[in-house]
Protein backbone atom coordinates (compact mmCIF):
# COMPACT_ATOMS: atom_id res chain seq x y z
CA MET A 1 -147.87 -16.12 91.01
CA GLU A 2 -148.21 -14.95 94.65
CA ALA A 3 -145.74 -12.16 93.93
CA LEU A 4 -147.88 -11.07 91.01
CA ARG A 5 -151.06 -11.18 93.08
CA ARG A 6 -149.54 -8.63 95.44
CA MET A 7 -149.12 -6.24 92.53
CA LYS A 8 -152.14 -3.99 92.19
CA LEU A 9 -153.36 -2.20 89.07
CA CYS A 10 -156.03 0.47 88.65
CA TYR A 11 -157.42 0.42 85.11
CA ILE A 12 -159.53 3.35 83.88
CA LEU A 13 -162.06 2.04 81.37
CA PRO A 14 -163.77 4.74 79.24
CA LYS A 15 -166.95 2.76 78.59
CA PHE A 16 -168.69 -0.45 79.57
CA ASP A 17 -171.57 -1.72 77.46
CA ALA A 18 -171.83 -5.43 76.87
CA HIS A 19 -173.96 -4.82 73.78
CA SER A 20 -171.69 -2.23 72.20
CA GLU A 21 -170.04 -2.71 68.82
CA GLU A 22 -167.07 -0.63 69.99
CA HIS A 23 -163.67 -2.08 70.79
CA PHE A 24 -164.12 -1.48 74.53
CA SER A 25 -166.17 -4.68 74.63
CA HIS A 26 -162.91 -6.52 73.92
CA THR A 27 -161.29 -4.79 76.86
CA VAL A 28 -163.56 -6.50 79.37
CA ARG A 29 -162.07 -9.86 78.40
CA THR A 30 -158.61 -8.34 78.74
CA LEU A 31 -159.47 -7.08 82.21
CA GLU A 32 -160.71 -10.48 83.27
CA ALA A 33 -157.43 -12.01 82.10
CA LEU A 34 -155.49 -9.36 84.04
CA ALA A 35 -157.57 -10.02 87.15
CA ARG A 36 -156.29 -13.58 87.16
CA GLN A 37 -152.74 -12.28 87.50
CA VAL A 38 -152.83 -9.09 89.60
CA GLY A 39 -155.05 -7.35 92.11
CA LEU A 40 -157.31 -5.32 89.80
CA THR A 41 -159.37 -2.22 90.45
CA VAL A 42 -161.41 -0.90 87.52
CA ILE A 43 -162.81 2.62 87.30
CA VAL A 44 -165.57 2.79 84.67
CA LYS A 45 -166.22 6.28 83.34
CA GLN A 46 -169.40 5.56 81.34
CA TRP A 47 -171.51 2.46 81.72
CA SER A 48 -174.76 0.86 80.73
CA GLY A 49 -176.53 -1.99 82.49
CA GLN A 50 -174.92 -4.12 85.16
CA VAL A 51 -171.14 -3.91 85.12
CA ARG A 52 -169.47 -7.26 85.64
CA ILE A 53 -165.74 -7.86 85.42
CA ALA A 54 -164.96 -11.32 86.75
CA GLY A 55 -162.09 -11.44 89.21
CA ALA A 56 -161.73 -7.69 89.79
CA GLU A 57 -161.15 -6.78 93.43
CA GLN A 58 -163.30 -3.69 93.03
CA VAL A 59 -165.21 -1.96 90.25
CA LEU A 60 -165.79 1.75 90.83
CA LEU A 61 -168.42 3.51 88.72
CA GLN A 62 -168.47 7.20 87.91
CA ARG A 63 -171.89 8.65 88.64
CA ALA A 64 -171.39 12.42 88.77
CA ARG A 65 -172.28 14.74 85.92
CA GLY A 66 -170.64 17.81 84.44
CA PRO A 67 -167.45 19.33 85.91
CA GLU A 68 -167.89 17.32 89.11
CA ARG A 69 -166.80 14.21 87.22
CA ILE A 70 -163.14 15.26 87.33
CA LEU A 71 -163.22 15.61 91.13
CA GLU A 72 -165.09 12.33 91.39
CA LEU A 73 -162.49 10.59 89.22
CA ALA A 74 -159.69 12.01 91.35
CA ARG A 75 -161.45 10.74 94.48
CA LEU A 76 -161.83 7.25 93.01
CA LEU A 77 -158.17 7.20 92.03
CA VAL A 78 -157.16 8.15 95.56
CA GLN A 79 -159.43 5.36 96.82
CA ALA A 80 -157.67 2.91 94.48
CA ARG A 81 -154.28 4.16 95.64
CA ARG A 82 -155.24 3.64 99.28
CA SER A 83 -156.29 0.09 98.47
CA GLY A 84 -152.74 -0.59 97.30
CA CYS A 85 -152.74 0.21 93.56
CA THR A 86 -149.30 1.35 92.48
CA THR A 87 -149.98 1.62 88.75
CA PHE A 88 -152.75 3.63 87.09
CA PHE A 89 -153.53 2.75 83.48
CA SER A 90 -155.81 4.92 81.36
CA HIS A 91 -157.15 3.57 78.08
CA TYR A 92 -157.46 6.45 75.55
CA SER A 93 -159.51 8.74 77.83
CA TYR A 94 -158.00 12.23 77.99
CA SER A 95 -159.62 13.10 81.30
CA GLY A 96 -158.55 9.73 82.66
CA GLY A 97 -155.00 10.16 81.43
CA ILE A 98 -154.53 13.69 82.78
CA THR A 99 -156.27 13.10 86.12
CA SER A 100 -154.53 9.79 86.79
CA ALA A 101 -151.14 11.32 86.00
CA ILE A 102 -151.70 14.18 88.45
CA VAL A 103 -153.01 11.91 91.21
CA ALA A 104 -150.17 9.44 90.61
CA ARG A 105 -147.55 12.15 90.95
CA LEU A 106 -149.15 13.44 94.16
CA THR A 107 -149.51 10.00 95.75
CA GLY A 108 -146.36 8.24 94.63
CA ALA A 109 -148.01 5.97 92.08
CA ARG A 110 -147.12 5.46 88.41
CA ALA A 111 -149.41 6.57 85.57
CA CYS A 112 -149.41 4.83 82.19
CA TYR A 113 -151.44 6.06 79.23
CA TRP A 114 -152.54 3.95 76.26
CA HIS A 115 -152.74 5.55 72.84
CA CYS A 116 -152.31 3.96 69.44
CA GLY A 117 -153.36 6.06 66.46
CA GLN A 118 -152.02 8.50 63.88
CA SER A 119 -153.74 11.59 65.24
CA ARG A 120 -151.17 14.15 64.17
CA GLN A 121 -152.08 14.13 60.49
CA TYR A 122 -155.60 15.30 61.34
CA TYR A 123 -154.64 18.25 63.55
CA PRO A 124 -154.53 21.80 62.10
CA ARG A 125 -150.93 22.91 61.72
CA LYS A 126 -151.48 26.32 63.28
CA TRP A 127 -153.77 27.88 65.84
CA SER A 128 -156.47 30.24 64.58
CA LEU A 129 -159.76 31.69 65.79
CA ARG A 130 -161.79 29.46 63.49
CA ARG A 131 -164.26 27.47 65.54
CA ASP A 132 -163.30 24.10 64.07
CA VAL A 133 -159.58 24.75 64.59
CA LEU A 134 -160.08 25.84 68.19
CA ALA A 135 -162.32 22.86 68.87
CA THR A 136 -159.76 20.38 67.55
CA LYS A 137 -156.84 22.06 69.29
CA LEU A 138 -158.56 22.42 72.68
CA THR A 139 -160.53 19.18 72.87
CA ASP A 140 -158.15 16.80 71.11
CA GLU A 141 -154.58 17.92 70.40
CA LEU A 142 -153.91 19.76 73.66
CA PRO A 143 -155.36 17.05 75.95
CA LEU A 144 -153.42 14.35 74.11
CA ASN A 145 -150.18 16.28 74.49
CA LEU A 146 -150.90 16.69 78.21
CA CYS A 147 -151.49 12.95 78.56
CA LEU A 148 -148.25 12.15 76.77
CA THR A 149 -146.29 14.71 78.83
CA LEU A 150 -147.71 14.08 82.30
CA SER A 151 -147.87 10.27 82.22
CA HIS A 152 -144.86 8.32 83.40
CA ALA A 153 -145.17 5.99 80.41
CA LEU A 154 -146.93 5.82 77.06
CA VAL A 155 -148.16 2.35 76.19
CA THR A 156 -148.73 1.67 72.49
CA GLY A 157 -149.23 -1.35 70.28
CA THR A 158 -146.24 -1.77 67.95
CA ALA A 159 -142.66 -0.69 67.28
CA ARG A 160 -143.70 1.45 64.31
CA MET A 161 -146.24 3.25 66.48
CA ALA A 162 -143.58 3.86 69.13
CA GLU A 163 -141.41 5.55 66.52
CA TYR A 164 -144.44 7.54 65.36
CA TYR A 165 -144.88 9.10 68.81
CA VAL A 166 -141.18 9.87 69.02
CA ARG A 167 -141.21 11.52 65.60
CA GLU A 168 -144.55 13.31 65.67
CA PHE A 169 -145.01 14.17 69.36
CA GLY A 170 -141.46 14.24 70.67
CA VAL A 171 -142.07 11.49 73.23
CA ASP A 172 -138.90 10.16 74.83
CA ARG A 173 -138.44 6.64 73.45
CA ARG A 174 -137.36 5.47 76.89
CA LYS A 175 -140.83 6.14 78.32
CA ILE A 176 -142.67 4.14 75.64
CA ILE A 177 -143.83 0.60 76.41
CA ILE A 178 -145.00 -1.72 73.65
CA VAL A 179 -147.89 -4.05 74.42
CA PRO A 180 -149.91 -5.40 71.46
CA ASN A 181 -153.66 -5.55 71.25
CA ASP A 182 -155.14 -8.90 72.12
CA ILE A 183 -157.98 -11.12 70.99
CA ASP A 184 -160.09 -13.69 72.77
CA LEU A 185 -159.75 -16.58 70.35
CA ALA A 186 -162.74 -18.32 71.91
CA HIS A 187 -164.87 -15.32 70.95
CA PHE A 188 -163.73 -15.51 67.30
CA PRO A 189 -163.32 -19.25 66.66
CA VAL A 190 -161.93 -20.65 63.43
CA ARG A 191 -164.74 -21.28 60.98
CA ASN A 192 -165.32 -25.01 60.85
CA ALA A 193 -168.44 -25.09 58.70
CA GLU A 194 -168.43 -24.94 54.93
CA LEU A 195 -167.93 -21.41 53.61
CA SER A 196 -171.01 -21.81 51.40
CA ALA A 197 -173.14 -22.71 54.44
CA ALA A 198 -172.03 -19.55 56.26
CA LYS A 199 -173.00 -17.48 53.22
CA VAL A 200 -176.42 -19.11 53.01
CA ALA A 201 -176.95 -18.33 56.70
CA LEU A 202 -176.63 -14.64 55.79
CA GLY A 203 -179.15 -14.96 52.97
CA LEU A 204 -176.57 -15.16 50.17
CA ASN A 205 -175.99 -17.73 47.47
CA GLY A 206 -173.39 -20.21 48.65
CA ASP A 207 -171.21 -19.59 45.58
CA THR A 208 -171.18 -15.78 45.91
CA PRO A 209 -167.70 -14.24 46.31
CA VAL A 210 -167.93 -12.17 49.54
CA VAL A 211 -165.68 -9.27 50.48
CA LEU A 212 -166.09 -7.91 54.03
CA PHE A 213 -165.42 -4.48 55.55
CA VAL A 214 -165.87 -3.91 59.30
CA HIS A 215 -165.07 -0.43 60.56
CA ARG A 216 -166.36 3.06 61.19
CA LEU A 217 -167.46 4.77 58.00
CA SER A 218 -165.10 7.72 58.07
CA PRO A 219 -162.22 9.05 55.94
CA ARG A 220 -159.71 7.70 58.45
CA LYS A 221 -160.98 4.17 57.84
CA GLY A 222 -161.08 4.47 54.04
CA ALA A 223 -164.85 4.76 53.60
CA GLN A 224 -164.28 7.05 50.62
CA TYR A 225 -162.69 4.16 48.70
CA LEU A 226 -165.38 1.53 49.21
CA ALA A 227 -167.60 2.28 46.21
CA GLU A 228 -164.65 2.27 43.79
CA ILE A 229 -163.27 -0.92 45.32
CA ALA A 230 -166.65 -2.61 44.85
CA ALA A 231 -166.88 -1.43 41.25
CA ARG A 232 -163.38 -2.67 40.38
CA VAL A 233 -163.94 -6.06 41.97
CA ARG A 234 -167.28 -6.48 40.15
CA GLN A 235 -165.55 -5.92 36.82
CA SER A 236 -163.70 -9.20 37.36
CA PHE A 237 -166.34 -10.94 39.50
CA PRO A 238 -169.78 -9.72 38.39
CA GLY A 239 -171.51 -11.65 41.16
CA ALA A 240 -169.29 -10.50 44.02
CA ILE A 241 -170.85 -8.89 47.08
CA LEU A 242 -169.25 -6.31 49.37
CA ILE A 243 -170.66 -6.37 52.90
CA ILE A 244 -170.04 -3.08 54.70
CA ILE A 245 -170.50 -3.30 58.47
CA GLY A 246 -170.39 -0.05 60.40
CA GLY A 247 -171.79 3.43 60.51
CA GLY A 248 -170.43 6.92 60.83
CA PRO A 249 -170.14 10.34 59.17
CA PHE A 250 -169.55 8.93 55.67
CA GLU A 251 -172.47 6.50 55.67
CA GLN A 252 -174.70 8.64 53.46
CA ARG A 253 -171.82 9.48 51.13
CA VAL A 254 -170.95 5.80 50.71
CA THR A 255 -174.59 4.99 49.98
CA ALA A 256 -174.79 7.80 47.41
CA GLU A 257 -171.54 6.79 45.68
CA ILE A 258 -172.69 3.19 45.43
CA ALA A 259 -175.98 4.34 43.90
CA ALA A 260 -174.20 6.68 41.47
CA LEU A 261 -172.14 3.74 40.20
CA GLY A 262 -175.22 1.55 39.92
CA MET A 263 -173.73 -0.85 42.46
CA GLU A 264 -176.70 -1.29 44.81
CA ALA A 265 -176.98 -4.99 43.97
CA ALA A 266 -173.29 -5.49 44.75
CA VAL A 267 -173.31 -4.08 48.27
CA ARG A 268 -174.96 -5.00 51.57
CA MET A 269 -174.91 -2.43 54.40
CA PRO A 270 -176.36 -3.90 57.61
CA GLY A 271 -175.05 -0.96 59.67
CA TRP A 272 -173.48 -1.49 63.08
CA VAL A 273 -173.37 -5.10 64.22
CA PRO A 274 -172.68 -5.95 67.90
CA ASN A 275 -169.23 -7.39 68.35
CA ARG A 276 -170.64 -10.68 69.62
CA GLU A 277 -172.39 -11.20 66.25
CA LEU A 278 -169.49 -10.38 63.93
CA GLY A 279 -168.23 -13.95 63.78
CA ALA A 280 -171.03 -14.97 61.40
CA TYR A 281 -169.95 -12.30 58.90
CA TYR A 282 -166.26 -13.19 59.09
CA ALA A 283 -167.18 -16.85 58.62
CA ALA A 284 -168.96 -16.00 55.35
CA ALA A 285 -166.18 -13.84 53.88
CA ASP A 286 -163.71 -14.92 51.21
CA VAL A 287 -161.62 -11.78 51.73
CA PHE A 288 -161.54 -9.14 54.48
CA ILE A 289 -160.52 -5.58 53.58
CA MET A 290 -159.11 -2.67 55.57
CA PRO A 291 -158.46 0.30 53.22
CA SER A 292 -157.72 2.73 56.08
CA ASP A 293 -155.88 6.02 55.79
CA GLU A 294 -155.08 5.92 59.51
CA GLU A 295 -154.66 3.15 62.05
CA GLY A 296 -152.63 2.24 65.09
CA PHE A 297 -153.04 -1.42 65.84
CA PRO A 298 -156.17 -2.52 63.93
CA ARG A 299 -157.96 -5.16 65.96
CA VAL A 300 -160.11 -6.11 62.96
CA LEU A 301 -157.08 -7.77 61.37
CA LEU A 302 -156.75 -9.98 64.45
CA GLU A 303 -160.43 -10.91 64.18
CA ALA A 304 -160.11 -11.82 60.51
CA GLN A 305 -157.01 -13.95 61.15
CA ALA A 306 -158.62 -15.71 64.11
CA VAL A 307 -161.57 -16.82 62.00
CA GLY A 308 -159.30 -17.70 59.09
CA VAL A 309 -160.10 -14.97 56.55
CA PRO A 310 -157.27 -13.67 54.33
CA PHE A 311 -157.12 -9.89 54.10
CA VAL A 312 -156.01 -6.93 52.04
CA ALA A 313 -154.96 -3.86 54.04
CA THR A 314 -153.16 -0.56 53.64
CA ASP A 315 -149.70 0.17 54.99
CA VAL A 316 -150.65 2.53 57.82
CA GLY A 317 -149.81 2.69 61.51
CA GLY A 318 -148.41 -0.54 62.86
CA VAL A 319 -149.94 -2.91 60.29
CA LEU A 320 -146.63 -4.28 59.05
CA ASP A 321 -145.63 -5.06 62.64
CA ILE A 322 -148.50 -7.49 63.11
CA VAL A 323 -148.45 -9.47 59.87
CA THR A 324 -146.16 -12.16 58.49
CA ASP A 325 -143.89 -11.64 55.49
CA ARG A 326 -146.33 -13.52 53.29
CA GLN A 327 -149.31 -11.52 54.51
CA ALA A 328 -147.34 -8.32 53.90
CA GLN A 329 -147.65 -9.00 50.16
CA PHE A 330 -151.30 -8.03 50.57
CA VAL A 331 -150.55 -4.76 52.36
CA VAL A 332 -150.59 -1.93 49.81
CA PRO A 333 -149.78 1.79 49.90
CA GLN A 334 -152.38 4.07 51.44
CA GLY A 335 -154.92 5.37 48.92
CA ASP A 336 -153.80 3.11 46.06
CA VAL A 337 -157.25 1.80 45.12
CA PRO A 338 -156.20 0.04 41.86
CA SER A 339 -153.54 -1.99 43.70
CA PHE A 340 -155.89 -2.64 46.59
CA ALA A 341 -158.63 -3.96 44.31
CA GLY A 342 -156.06 -5.95 42.36
CA ARG A 343 -154.99 -7.82 45.50
CA ILE A 344 -158.63 -8.64 46.30
CA ILE A 345 -159.17 -9.99 42.78
CA ALA A 346 -155.98 -12.07 43.02
CA LEU A 347 -157.28 -13.70 46.20
CA LEU A 348 -160.75 -14.33 44.80
CA ARG A 349 -159.20 -16.05 41.78
CA ASP A 350 -157.03 -18.40 43.83
CA PRO A 351 -158.79 -20.57 46.46
CA THR A 352 -155.52 -22.39 47.19
CA LEU A 353 -153.80 -19.11 48.04
CA ARG A 354 -156.73 -18.10 50.24
CA ALA A 355 -156.50 -21.40 52.10
CA GLU A 356 -152.76 -20.98 52.62
CA LEU A 357 -153.17 -17.43 53.90
CA SER A 358 -155.97 -18.59 56.17
CA LEU A 359 -153.56 -21.03 57.83
CA GLU A 360 -150.89 -18.33 57.95
CA GLY A 361 -153.21 -15.97 59.78
CA ARG A 362 -154.49 -18.59 62.19
CA GLY A 363 -150.90 -19.33 63.20
CA ASN A 364 -149.89 -15.67 63.43
CA VAL A 365 -152.83 -14.60 65.59
CA GLN A 366 -151.83 -17.01 68.37
CA SER A 367 -149.21 -14.45 69.42
CA PHE A 368 -152.01 -12.05 70.31
CA ALA A 369 -154.15 -14.39 72.41
CA VAL A 370 -155.60 -12.54 75.39
CA GLU A 371 -153.86 -14.59 78.08
CA ARG A 372 -150.48 -14.18 76.41
CA VAL A 373 -150.88 -10.41 76.00
CA ALA A 374 -152.17 -10.06 79.58
CA GLN A 375 -148.94 -11.67 80.75
CA LEU A 376 -146.92 -9.18 78.68
CA PHE A 377 -148.98 -6.34 80.12
CA VAL A 378 -148.19 -7.43 83.68
CA GLU A 379 -144.48 -7.85 82.91
CA ARG A 380 -144.09 -4.51 81.12
CA VAL A 381 -146.65 -2.17 82.66
CA VAL A 382 -147.53 -3.16 86.22
CA LYS A 383 -144.89 -2.07 88.73
């Protein structure tokens, strides 16, 4: 342990907001687990309220605005390097990834960049003078390519995602490190109350079949399929309710499609829910759904498994790398709404199967417990 404590890591966190519904709120618990194993410096790019990361040796906050932020970030990285940090790790941030890679190369450190998503399919194939094409190329595709090229290592979540970056971005497989996403199991405890009681707590009838969606309402996350999924499930279970948690560019479209199908009574849309409050919704769900067209390592599947909710998901990104063989029977081809709805109906019809898959998930998710993944991170990333 003393040898590990001498190892020092600088982690660039894009955003800190304890009340946020975004996945960065999970990262704080990851950082606190890392701080128990290595000397940790955290650079926070955007923040709200008082930033607390228990165990960190230093937390450095970006305060500058505009173009000065890049110089400020470089200065903070140099400060971290002088304090002994030998590894820089940037989580998704393009400016963080590029700047840390340059500073690392100039100061003899090592820069690692985390990315886990199927971005390529959403980039225009060719350059043009169209504003939307230029915007995507200059603010997304080009910075990502720079991060992947300049960093000493790409860290991603699963073996399938590693092969994706080799195939789609030409990343050398030897520079890719696999570290899975993690979950704080104490934050998403197994539901121990009666399912009916959890439903009543949300204002539902205790016997109501509940299907849960938690994600951004965008085409990438399958928002365009939600109304049809609800309609197909209601044909077999007229009293079923679909709870849609999230917001985004497709929110109005989803609302309109539900209304056009006359499904208003079948759907609840509470909007964004802070991550700390999601457990009550998982606890009330019979089935969790993830009909995404694009994913990397979907943390929502870890949350569902931790609470004990069986799920239906699409075969995108690294999904098949993080499920068991039995769970894989409920992973269907992308965009196949009839098959997707059919799997939901099969689960709703069979409480014994749901109970068995609940146990399956609760066992599987132990591999992604935050302390275990933090140990893998130290072994594979921190040098």
